[in-house]
Structures are given as structure tokens and as C-alpha cells.
Protein backbone atom coordinates (compact mmCIF):
# COMPACT_ATOMS: atom_id res chain seq x y z
CA MET A 1 155.56 -23.47 -39.90
CA SER A 2 152.13 -21.80 -40.07
CA ARG A 3 149.10 -24.00 -40.21
CA PRO A 4 147.26 -23.89 -43.55
CA THR A 5 143.87 -22.24 -43.13
CA PHE A 6 140.71 -22.58 -45.16
CA PRO A 7 141.26 -19.19 -46.86
CA ALA A 8 144.76 -20.29 -47.84
CA LEU A 9 143.44 -23.50 -49.37
CA LEU A 10 140.69 -21.55 -51.13
CA LEU A 11 143.27 -19.11 -52.50
CA SER A 12 145.29 -21.99 -53.96
CA GLY A 13 142.19 -23.27 -55.68
CA LEU A 14 141.39 -19.87 -57.15
CA LEU A 15 144.89 -19.46 -58.48
CA ALA A 16 144.83 -22.93 -59.99
CA SER A 17 141.57 -22.11 -61.78
CA GLY A 18 143.06 -18.95 -63.28
CA LEU A 19 140.84 -16.53 -61.36
CA SER A 20 142.57 -13.35 -60.24
CA VAL A 21 142.90 -12.78 -56.53
CA GLY A 22 141.19 -9.71 -55.07
CA CYS A 23 138.60 -9.66 -57.84
CA VAL A 24 134.93 -10.57 -58.03
CA PRO A 25 133.42 -12.29 -61.08
CA ASP A 26 130.31 -10.66 -62.60
CA GLN A 27 128.06 -13.15 -64.35
CA ASN A 28 126.00 -10.45 -66.15
CA ASP A 29 128.28 -9.98 -69.16
CA SER A 30 126.40 -10.52 -72.43
CA THR A 31 129.15 -12.79 -73.74
CA GLY A 32 128.54 -15.27 -70.96
CA ARG A 33 132.13 -14.91 -69.72
CA ASP A 34 133.04 -13.82 -66.23
CA VAL A 35 133.77 -10.12 -66.01
CA VAL A 36 136.37 -9.42 -63.34
CA GLU A 37 136.22 -6.17 -61.41
CA ASP A 38 138.89 -4.95 -59.04
CA GLU A 39 137.99 -4.50 -55.40
CA ASP A 40 139.91 -2.30 -53.02
CA GLU A 41 140.87 -4.68 -50.21
CA ASP A 42 141.51 -1.74 -47.87
CA ASP A 43 137.80 -0.89 -48.04
CA ALA A 44 136.73 -4.32 -46.84
CA ALA A 45 135.38 -4.28 -43.29
CA TYR A 46 137.34 -6.28 -40.75
CA VAL A 47 135.39 -9.20 -39.36
CA PRO A 48 137.04 -10.63 -36.23
CA PRO A 49 137.12 -14.44 -36.20
CA GLU A 50 134.24 -15.79 -34.18
CA THR A 51 136.33 -17.97 -31.88
CA PHE A 52 139.03 -16.69 -29.54
CA SER A 53 141.52 -19.32 -30.69
CA ALA A 54 141.15 -18.18 -34.30
CA PHE A 55 141.37 -14.54 -33.22
CA VAL A 56 144.73 -14.84 -31.45
CA GLY A 57 146.11 -16.69 -34.46
CA ASP A 58 145.03 -13.88 -36.77
CA PHE A 59 147.88 -11.40 -36.13
CA GLY A 60 151.30 -11.77 -37.76
CA GLU A 61 152.75 -15.23 -37.28
CA TYR A 62 150.56 -18.06 -36.03
CA SER A 63 151.92 -17.58 -32.50
CA TRP A 64 150.57 -16.35 -29.20
CA VAL A 65 150.87 -16.66 -25.40
CA VAL A 66 147.68 -15.84 -23.50
CA LEU A 67 147.16 -16.29 -19.76
CA PHE A 68 144.06 -16.50 -17.60
CA ALA A 69 144.48 -16.07 -13.84
CA GLN A 70 141.73 -16.92 -11.35
CA ALA A 71 142.56 -14.08 -8.99
CA PRO A 72 141.55 -10.45 -8.31
CA MET A 73 142.36 -7.96 -11.04
CA ASP A 74 144.60 -5.76 -8.85
CA ALA A 75 146.77 -8.71 -7.82
CA VAL A 76 147.00 -10.06 -11.38
CA SER A 77 147.87 -6.70 -12.87
CA GLU A 78 150.60 -6.01 -10.32
CA ALA A 79 152.10 -9.50 -10.57
CA TYR A 80 152.08 -9.44 -14.36
CA GLY A 81 153.83 -6.07 -14.50
CA GLU A 82 156.56 -7.43 -12.24
CA ALA A 83 156.89 -10.67 -14.19
CA ALA A 84 157.01 -8.88 -17.54
CA GLY A 85 159.29 -6.12 -16.24
CA ALA A 86 156.92 -3.47 -17.53
CA GLU A 87 154.99 -0.57 -16.07
CA VAL A 88 151.24 -1.16 -16.03
CA THR A 89 148.77 1.61 -16.85
CA ARG A 90 145.45 0.98 -15.16
CA ASP A 91 141.93 1.61 -16.38
CA VAL A 92 142.76 2.38 -19.99
CA PRO A 93 139.76 3.46 -22.07
CA VAL A 94 137.87 0.97 -24.21
CA THR A 95 136.38 1.89 -27.59
CA ALA A 96 133.79 -0.31 -29.26
CA THR A 97 134.59 -0.67 -32.96
CA ASP A 98 134.91 -3.28 -35.68
CA GLU A 99 137.95 -1.61 -37.23
CA ALA A 100 141.00 -3.80 -37.87
CA MET A 101 143.95 -2.78 -35.75
CA TYR A 102 146.86 -4.40 -33.92
CA GLY A 103 147.17 -7.50 -31.75
CA PRO A 104 146.53 -6.99 -28.02
CA SER A 105 149.96 -7.88 -26.56
CA GLY A 106 150.38 -6.56 -23.03
CA THR A 107 146.70 -6.12 -22.21
CA ILE A 108 145.11 -7.29 -18.97
CA ALA A 109 141.32 -7.56 -18.98
CA GLN A 110 138.61 -8.21 -16.42
CA VAL A 111 135.43 -9.64 -17.89
CA GLU A 112 131.96 -9.40 -16.41
CA GLY A 113 130.64 -12.78 -15.28
CA SER A 114 134.03 -14.50 -14.96
CA ASP A 115 136.53 -14.75 -12.11
CA TRP A 116 139.36 -15.31 -14.61
CA VAL A 117 141.47 -12.29 -15.61
CA GLN A 118 142.74 -12.44 -19.20
CA ILE A 119 146.34 -11.48 -20.01
CA CYS A 120 147.40 -11.29 -23.64
CA HIS A 121 151.11 -11.62 -22.97
CA ARG A 122 152.02 -11.85 -26.65
CA VAL A 123 149.77 -12.07 -29.70
CA GLY A 124 151.36 -12.26 -33.14
CA HIS A 125 154.58 -13.80 -31.89
CA TRP A 126 155.66 -16.26 -29.22
CA GLU A 127 157.58 -15.36 -26.08
CA SER A 128 158.02 -17.71 -23.15
CA PHE A 129 156.23 -17.05 -19.87
CA ASP A 130 156.62 -18.98 -16.62
CA ALA A 131 153.00 -19.80 -15.83
CA ALA A 132 153.99 -22.11 -12.95
CA ALA A 133 155.86 -19.32 -11.16
CA PHE A 134 153.00 -16.91 -11.87
CA ALA A 135 150.50 -19.30 -10.27
CA LYS A 136 152.74 -19.61 -7.22
CA THR A 137 153.09 -15.82 -6.92
CA LEU A 138 149.33 -15.33 -7.12
CA ASN A 139 148.56 -18.44 -5.06
CA ALA A 140 145.87 -19.11 -7.64
CA PRO A 141 145.25 -21.22 -10.75
CA VAL A 142 146.73 -19.91 -14.00
CA LEU A 143 145.93 -21.10 -17.51
CA ILE A 144 148.42 -20.65 -20.32
CA PHE A 145 147.07 -20.99 -23.86
CA GLN A 146 149.85 -20.82 -26.42
CA GLY A 147 150.66 -21.50 -30.03
CA GLU A 148 154.15 -21.57 -31.51
CA ASP A 149 154.60 -21.08 -35.25
CA THR A 150 157.94 -22.82 -35.79
CA SER A 151 156.81 -26.17 -34.40
CA GLY A 152 153.12 -25.71 -35.15
CA SER A 153 152.34 -26.66 -31.54
CA VAL A 154 149.26 -25.46 -29.65
CA SER A 155 148.41 -26.32 -26.05
CA LEU A 156 146.40 -25.30 -23.01
CA GLU A 157 147.82 -25.91 -19.53
CA GLN A 158 146.35 -25.26 -16.11
CA HIS A 159 148.95 -24.56 -13.42
CA ALA A 160 147.99 -24.75 -9.76
CA ALA A 161 149.72 -22.88 -6.94
CA ASP A 162 151.05 -26.19 -5.58
CA GLY A 163 152.92 -26.85 -8.83
CA SER A 164 150.56 -29.43 -10.30
CA VAL A 165 149.75 -29.15 -14.01
CA ARG A 166 146.76 -30.26 -16.05
CA THR A 167 147.19 -30.32 -19.85
CA PHE A 168 144.46 -30.00 -22.46
CA LEU A 169 145.19 -31.02 -26.06
CA THR A 170 143.22 -31.69 -29.18
CA ALA A 171 143.86 -35.10 -30.73
CA ASP A 172 145.76 -33.44 -33.57
CA ASP A 173 148.04 -31.51 -31.20
CA ARG A 174 148.65 -34.61 -29.09
CA ASP A 175 149.71 -36.49 -32.23
CA LEU A 176 151.93 -33.59 -33.33
CA MET A 177 153.60 -33.46 -29.91
CA GLN A 178 154.23 -37.19 -30.08
CA GLU A 179 155.64 -36.81 -33.60
CA HIS A 180 158.10 -34.18 -32.37
CA ALA A 181 159.06 -36.42 -29.45
CA ASP A 182 159.77 -39.32 -31.79
CA SER A 183 161.67 -37.30 -34.37
CA ILE A 184 163.66 -34.71 -32.40
CA GLY A 185 163.44 -35.89 -28.81
CA THR A 186 161.19 -33.22 -27.33
CA ALA A 187 158.87 -34.01 -24.43
CA PRO A 188 156.02 -36.37 -25.34
CA PRO A 189 152.42 -35.42 -24.57
CA PRO A 190 151.53 -36.07 -20.92
CA ALA A 191 149.93 -39.47 -20.49
CA ASP A 192 147.09 -37.89 -18.51
CA ALA A 193 146.43 -35.03 -20.94
CA LYS A 194 142.73 -34.37 -21.38
CA ILE A 195 141.81 -34.63 -25.06
CA VAL A 196 139.35 -31.90 -26.05
CA GLU A 197 137.43 -31.22 -29.24
CA ASP A 198 138.72 -27.64 -29.34
CA TYR A 199 140.34 -25.11 -27.02
CA ASP A 200 137.46 -22.66 -27.01
CA ALA A 201 135.17 -25.31 -25.57
CA ALA A 202 137.85 -26.26 -23.04
CA LEU A 203 138.17 -22.64 -21.88
CA ALA A 204 134.39 -22.34 -21.61
CA SER A 205 134.22 -25.51 -19.51
CA LEU A 206 136.62 -23.88 -17.03
CA GLY A 207 134.47 -20.75 -16.74
CA VAL A 208 136.71 -18.57 -18.91
CA LEU A 209 135.05 -15.86 -21.01
CA PRO A 210 137.78 -14.65 -23.37
CA VAL A 211 137.47 -11.31 -25.14
CA ARG A 212 138.85 -10.20 -28.51
CA LEU A 213 140.80 -7.05 -27.68
CA MET A 214 142.93 -5.00 -30.03
CA ILE A 215 145.29 -2.04 -29.69
CA PRO A 216 144.39 1.08 -31.72
CA ALA A 217 146.45 2.49 -34.55
CA PRO A 218 149.42 4.75 -33.68
CA GLY A 219 148.69 8.31 -32.70
CA ALA A 220 150.34 11.33 -34.27
CA GLY A 221 154.12 11.13 -33.96
CA GLN A 222 154.11 7.47 -32.92
CA ASP A 223 155.85 4.74 -34.88
CA PHE A 224 154.02 1.98 -33.02
CA PRO A 225 150.99 1.74 -30.76
CA ASP A 226 152.08 1.60 -27.14
CA GLY A 227 148.98 0.02 -25.66
CA VAL A 228 148.49 2.61 -22.92
CA GLY A 229 146.28 5.00 -24.87
CA GLY A 230 143.42 2.55 -24.69
CA VAL A 231 142.13 -0.55 -26.42
CA ILE A 232 139.40 -1.35 -28.89
CA ALA A 233 137.07 -4.31 -29.09
CA PRO A 234 134.06 -5.40 -31.15
CA PRO A 235 130.91 -3.90 -29.59
CA ALA A 236 129.72 -7.20 -28.11
CA GLU A 237 133.13 -7.75 -26.49
CA ALA A 238 133.48 -4.18 -25.23
CA ALA A 239 130.20 -4.53 -23.33
CA LYS A 240 131.70 -7.43 -21.32
CA LEU A 241 134.76 -5.52 -20.10
CA THR A 242 134.72 -4.09 -16.61
CA ARG A 243 138.37 -2.97 -16.59
CA VAL A 244 141.42 -3.10 -18.85
CA ASP A 245 145.04 -2.42 -17.87
CA ALA A 246 147.93 -2.38 -20.31
CA THR A 247 151.71 -2.40 -20.59
CA PRO A 248 153.56 -0.60 -23.41
CA VAL A 249 154.46 -3.18 -26.06
CA VAL A 250 156.37 -2.35 -29.24
CA LEU A 251 155.16 -4.69 -31.95
CA ASP A 252 157.41 -6.61 -34.33
């Protein structure tokens, strides 16, 4: 069940008022009535959401699994390839662009100024990942930030190599987790969960500098992007990247 967003609520209001979607009213008509002109939505420039949490929820379903590992890039890249059962291509090229493309599933990114390596395991759909085992393999802390569309759940967990877990939740997500526990018997929110205002601030407090990567459009003869031809990122994000590796991921 996708979370309603502000644009969705705005759209409902426009429809209720009788205004056509995808059109812009012109107040300069001599009759005083709104003149509606069609706009080609394909010509509209893509503007990536400003926050990372909004960005990962912007592709396909409202679902994602993103990891951050506080370990050297080489070790993270190798361990992730083994865990995901996929071959990793190292040092893929990065292109700075604002074009709208595909979600960054399978990308591994090193960001200047942070000792956390970002892994976009899945963006656009949810797929389980054993963050506890990954932390043990790396002998280093691992964060897993995930959202799951069916339940509407979002959470941030920090897994230590010794098996300990620290959970970060917004008040809304804590209440939703408790609601699920009461109604269908799932696990309740941890009693010691740290309640945060938002997940972007929580990531920043841990020294994480997330980047908004995307995978380019398919090349000639390709049905889907495979991730290994390179990645794209908004110019400000591209300037932060010191290295990006990638695994081939066929998108849903």
C-alpha cells in the first residue's frame, strides 16, 4: 500500500475542481475564464527529490533496500557481489546529468568525505538482504534503510559485527509497526528504538552522505539497462563520487 504523497493529494484536488490534469490555466483570456493549454509531460525536466529518502521512493513501487557499510570500498564491493550472487564491474563511468532515468539497483558508491560505502541493493522494489550477516562478513557496522510497499513500513537499522542492532524509527513508523503487531502479530517496534524526526537527518548524524544515483537508459539492442555501462547522477552528486561499482540488474 503506497503512501499518499503531496502530489497525489494535489491531483485529487485538481480533479475534484474539474481542472484537467497535465494542463496549465491561462488567466489572460478576454472572457475571464481559464484557458487550458496542453503541456507535453515528456518535455518536463526531471527534478530529483531533494532528500535521499524521497529519491529512493521515487522509482516504481514505494519500496527500496539500501545499505551503507563502514568499511573500505574494495572489501564492500567484493562482499556484496558474493552476497548478491552477482559479478561486480568496478570503476564504472559516472555522467553528470539531470535527465530522468532508472533506479540505481545494484550500484556500489564511494563518496568523498564519508567512510560509509553506499549500496543500492534494490530501488523500486523490495528484496530481503541479511544486513546482520553482511556486517559479520565485513567485521564492520552496516546500516540497512528499507521501505516495503505492501505493509507501508520504513525503517533504519544499524547492525554491528557482534550482532547487536540499533533501530531508528520516526514516530509514525513506530506507530505503524505497533499497529501491525497488534493486528496481525508481527514483531513490535523495539523498546529501545531511537525515535528520529526523519531518516535523512538520522543518516547525517551517523556521518552518512548518501548520493542520488541512477542507471542510464538502455543502449542499442538492450531491453533493459544492465548497470555496468555506467551511472548518472545530478551534477552536485556526481562531484562527490570517488568510485562507483555495479552489478547487472534487470529491472521489473
